Every structure is written in C-alpha cells, then in structure tokens.
C-alpha cells in the first residue's frame, strides 16, 4: 500500500507508465479554492446592523493550511473568540465569561460602555452560514481538483 503523498504508478494499455502527482494536484486545487471560499464565507457571514463594531466576525475569517506526511489539510477558521456562539445554537442560561481578559465590554444602545465579569445569555439559533457556503462550494471544489490533476506519462 502506498503512503500518503506518494506518487501512483499504473500500467495502461498503449502507454508505458502514468504517474499521478497528488501533492501538486492538492496545491493547485487549494490555490483555486482558497480565494473563492474566503470571498463566499465573508459574503455570507452575519453582520450586526446595530453594533458600532459590525463586521468584526466577517473580518476574522481566514484559513490555515496544515501538511503532515504528505496529507494536506485546508481549514477555514474564525479568530474571533465568540465564533462558536455565532455558529452553534446556545441554550438559554449559558454563562459567557471573558477569555484572555478580565471583563466583557460592549456598548449599550446609548453608546456608553458596559463592563461585566460574566453574562447569562438567552437562547440563540446559531447561524449555519458556513454549512450553506460549503454546500454551495462543493461543485467549485470538485472542478478545482478535476482541473488540477497532473498526470505525467513516461
């Protein structure tokens, strides 16, 4: 069995040898997928119409490329510490506490800053925009891989 990242050799009638370059294919496909996926994720990300810092979540969306032993992983992430509260539904009564700081801070409706050591949040639906974008991008991803395949005949 071939290791991840190896090339694949096969015999085809009329062709001496064909070599499929998986790592090259992955890189080429990722170069096509990344800008489209970022654009679509940021376009679909929820943005508050009332908060003065609206758009912070949208601007926190980026990607991480990880490679281990020839296995290539492309992950789209948000660096916002509250991302899980945007994406996942929360039950009423969830206690939200500050992370990497001493207090939570936000502006109220009047524009004054409010500080708290924690807040009890009401229930929220969560926003699965990322799943909708993933479904929308599936044909784009398939086409990116299809057009990126590198076959070398020798």
Protein backbone atom coordinates (compact mmCIF):
# COMPACT_ATOMS: atom_id res chain seq x y z
CA UNK A 1 0.00 0.00 0.00
CA UNK A 2 1.29 3.45 -0.91
CA UNK A 3 1.99 6.03 1.78
CA UNK A 4 0.11 9.31 1.75
CA UNK A 5 1.94 11.74 -0.53
CA UNK A 6 3.45 9.02 -2.72
CA UNK A 7 3.02 9.04 -6.44
CA UNK A 8 0.83 6.40 -8.02
CA UNK A 9 2.13 4.35 -10.91
CA UNK A 10 -0.08 2.25 -13.12
CA UNK A 11 0.01 0.42 -16.42
CA UNK A 12 -2.37 1.46 -19.15
CA UNK A 13 -2.63 -0.34 -22.45
CA UNK A 14 -0.72 1.61 -25.10
CA UNK A 15 1.02 3.83 -22.52
CA UNK A 16 4.22 2.70 -20.86
CA UNK A 17 3.73 4.44 -17.46
CA UNK A 18 1.47 7.09 -15.95
CA UNK A 19 2.34 8.92 -12.73
CA UNK A 20 -0.27 10.87 -10.79
CA UNK A 21 1.21 13.72 -8.69
CA UNK A 22 -1.18 14.05 -5.73
CA UNK A 23 0.71 16.77 -3.83
CA UNK A 24 0.89 19.00 -6.91
CA UNK A 25 -2.82 18.45 -7.52
CA UNK A 26 -3.65 19.40 -3.92
CA UNK A 27 -1.64 22.62 -4.09
CA UNK A 28 -3.12 23.69 -7.42
CA UNK A 29 -6.66 22.96 -6.26
CA UNK A 30 -6.11 24.85 -2.98
CA UNK A 31 -4.85 27.89 -4.91
CA UNK A 32 -8.16 27.93 -6.80
CA UNK A 33 -10.39 27.12 -3.80
CA UNK A 34 -8.99 29.48 -1.14
CA UNK A 35 -9.90 32.87 -2.68
CA UNK A 36 -13.37 31.74 -3.73
CA UNK A 37 -14.13 30.13 -0.35
CA UNK A 38 -12.92 33.18 1.61
CA UNK A 39 -14.99 35.51 -0.55
CA UNK A 40 -18.15 33.39 -0.15
CA UNK A 41 -17.68 32.87 3.61
CA UNK A 42 -17.12 36.57 4.25
CA UNK A 43 -20.05 37.49 2.00
CA UNK A 44 -22.39 35.13 3.89
CA UNK A 45 -21.09 35.85 7.41
CA UNK A 46 -23.60 37.55 9.70
CA UNK A 47 -23.01 41.25 10.35
CA UNK A 48 -24.83 43.24 13.02
CA UNK A 49 -26.85 46.17 11.74
CA UNK A 50 -26.84 47.90 15.14
CA UNK A 51 -23.38 47.45 16.67
CA UNK A 52 -20.67 50.06 16.08
CA UNK A 53 -18.02 47.37 15.53
CA UNK A 54 -20.15 45.47 13.00
CA UNK A 55 -18.14 43.27 10.65
CA UNK A 56 -15.50 42.09 13.13
CA UNK A 57 -16.63 38.47 12.78
CA UNK A 58 -16.59 38.66 8.99
CA UNK A 59 -13.06 40.10 9.02
CA UNK A 60 -11.87 37.38 11.43
CA UNK A 61 -12.43 34.63 8.84
CA UNK A 62 -9.26 33.18 7.36
CA UNK A 63 -7.68 29.84 6.59
CA UNK A 64 -5.00 27.51 7.88
CA UNK A 65 -3.02 25.07 5.76
CA UNK A 66 -1.62 22.05 7.52
CA UNK A 67 0.59 19.41 5.98
CA UNK A 68 1.73 16.26 7.71
CA UNK A 69 3.43 13.43 5.91
CA UNK A 70 2.04 14.48 2.55
CA UNK A 71 -1.51 14.81 3.87
CA UNK A 72 -2.74 18.29 3.06
CA UNK A 73 -5.49 19.90 5.13
CA UNK A 74 -7.16 23.22 4.38
CA UNK A 75 -9.27 24.65 7.23
CA UNK A 76 -11.32 27.83 7.14
CA UNK A 77 -11.44 29.40 10.60
CA UNK A 78 -12.52 32.46 12.55
CA UNK A 79 -10.12 34.00 15.03
CA UNK A 80 -12.98 35.68 16.90
CA UNK A 81 -13.22 34.19 20.42
CA UNK A 82 -17.02 34.31 20.20
CA UNK A 83 -17.21 32.39 16.88
CA UNK A 84 -18.77 29.31 18.48
CA UNK A 85 -21.62 31.47 19.82
CA UNK A 86 -22.30 32.74 16.30
CA UNK A 87 -22.21 29.31 14.63
CA UNK A 88 -23.72 26.99 17.23
CA UNK A 89 -27.09 27.30 18.94
CA UNK A 90 -26.90 28.14 22.63
CA UNK A 91 -29.40 27.13 25.26
CA UNK A 92 -30.87 29.85 27.43
CA UNK A 93 -28.91 30.45 30.59
CA UNK A 94 -25.47 29.85 29.06
CA UNK A 95 -22.89 31.69 31.16
CA UNK A 96 -20.43 33.64 29.00
CA UNK A 97 -17.19 34.66 30.67
CA UNK A 98 -14.26 36.69 29.32
CA UNK A 99 -11.36 34.88 27.68
CA UNK A 100 -7.86 36.37 27.72
CA UNK A 101 -9.14 39.46 29.55
CA UNK A 102 -10.65 40.40 32.92
CA UNK A 103 -14.06 41.65 31.83
CA UNK A 104 -16.57 41.62 28.99
CA UNK A 105 -17.14 45.02 27.36
CA UNK A 106 -19.76 46.27 24.93
CA UNK A 107 -21.58 49.46 24.03
CA UNK A 108 -25.19 49.79 25.05
CA UNK A 109 -27.88 51.43 22.92
CA UNK A 110 -26.87 54.91 24.13
CA UNK A 111 -23.20 54.45 23.23
CA UNK A 112 -21.86 54.02 26.77
CA UNK A 113 -19.52 51.15 27.56
CA UNK A 114 -20.83 48.43 29.85
CA UNK A 115 -18.48 46.05 31.71
CA UNK A 116 -19.31 42.68 33.27
CA UNK A 117 -17.41 39.73 34.69
CA UNK A 118 -19.93 37.41 33.00
CA UNK A 119 -23.33 37.47 31.33
CA UNK A 120 -26.15 34.96 31.17
CA UNK A 121 -27.17 34.68 27.57
CA UNK A 122 -30.61 33.97 26.23
CA UNK A 123 -31.04 31.15 23.74
CA UNK A 124 -29.89 31.71 20.17
CA UNK A 125 -30.49 29.74 16.97
CA UNK A 126 -26.92 29.79 15.74
CA UNK A 127 -26.08 30.65 12.17
CA UNK A 128 -25.03 27.80 9.89
CA UNK A 129 -23.87 30.07 7.05
CA UNK A 130 -20.66 28.04 6.89
CA UNK A 131 -22.60 24.87 6.04
CA UNK A 132 -24.60 26.67 3.36
CA UNK A 133 -21.39 28.02 1.83
CA UNK A 134 -19.77 24.56 1.95
CA UNK A 135 -22.71 23.08 0.05
CA UNK A 136 -22.55 25.92 -2.49
CA UNK A 137 -18.80 25.41 -2.98
CA UNK A 138 -18.91 21.64 -3.48
CA UNK A 139 -19.07 21.85 -7.30
CA UNK A 140 -16.32 24.51 -7.29
CA UNK A 141 -14.09 22.25 -5.18
CA UNK A 142 -14.73 19.23 -7.40
CA UNK A 143 -13.93 21.26 -10.53
CA UNK A 144 -10.77 22.68 -8.91
CA UNK A 145 -9.46 19.17 -8.26
CA UNK A 146 -10.55 17.91 -11.66
CA UNK A 147 -8.76 20.72 -13.48
CA UNK A 148 -5.67 20.46 -11.21
CA UNK A 149 -4.88 16.79 -11.80
CA UNK A 150 -1.35 16.34 -13.03
CA UNK A 151 -0.64 13.15 -14.93
CA UNK A 152 2.85 12.56 -16.24
CA UNK A 153 3.39 9.84 -18.80
CA UNK A 154 6.82 8.32 -19.12
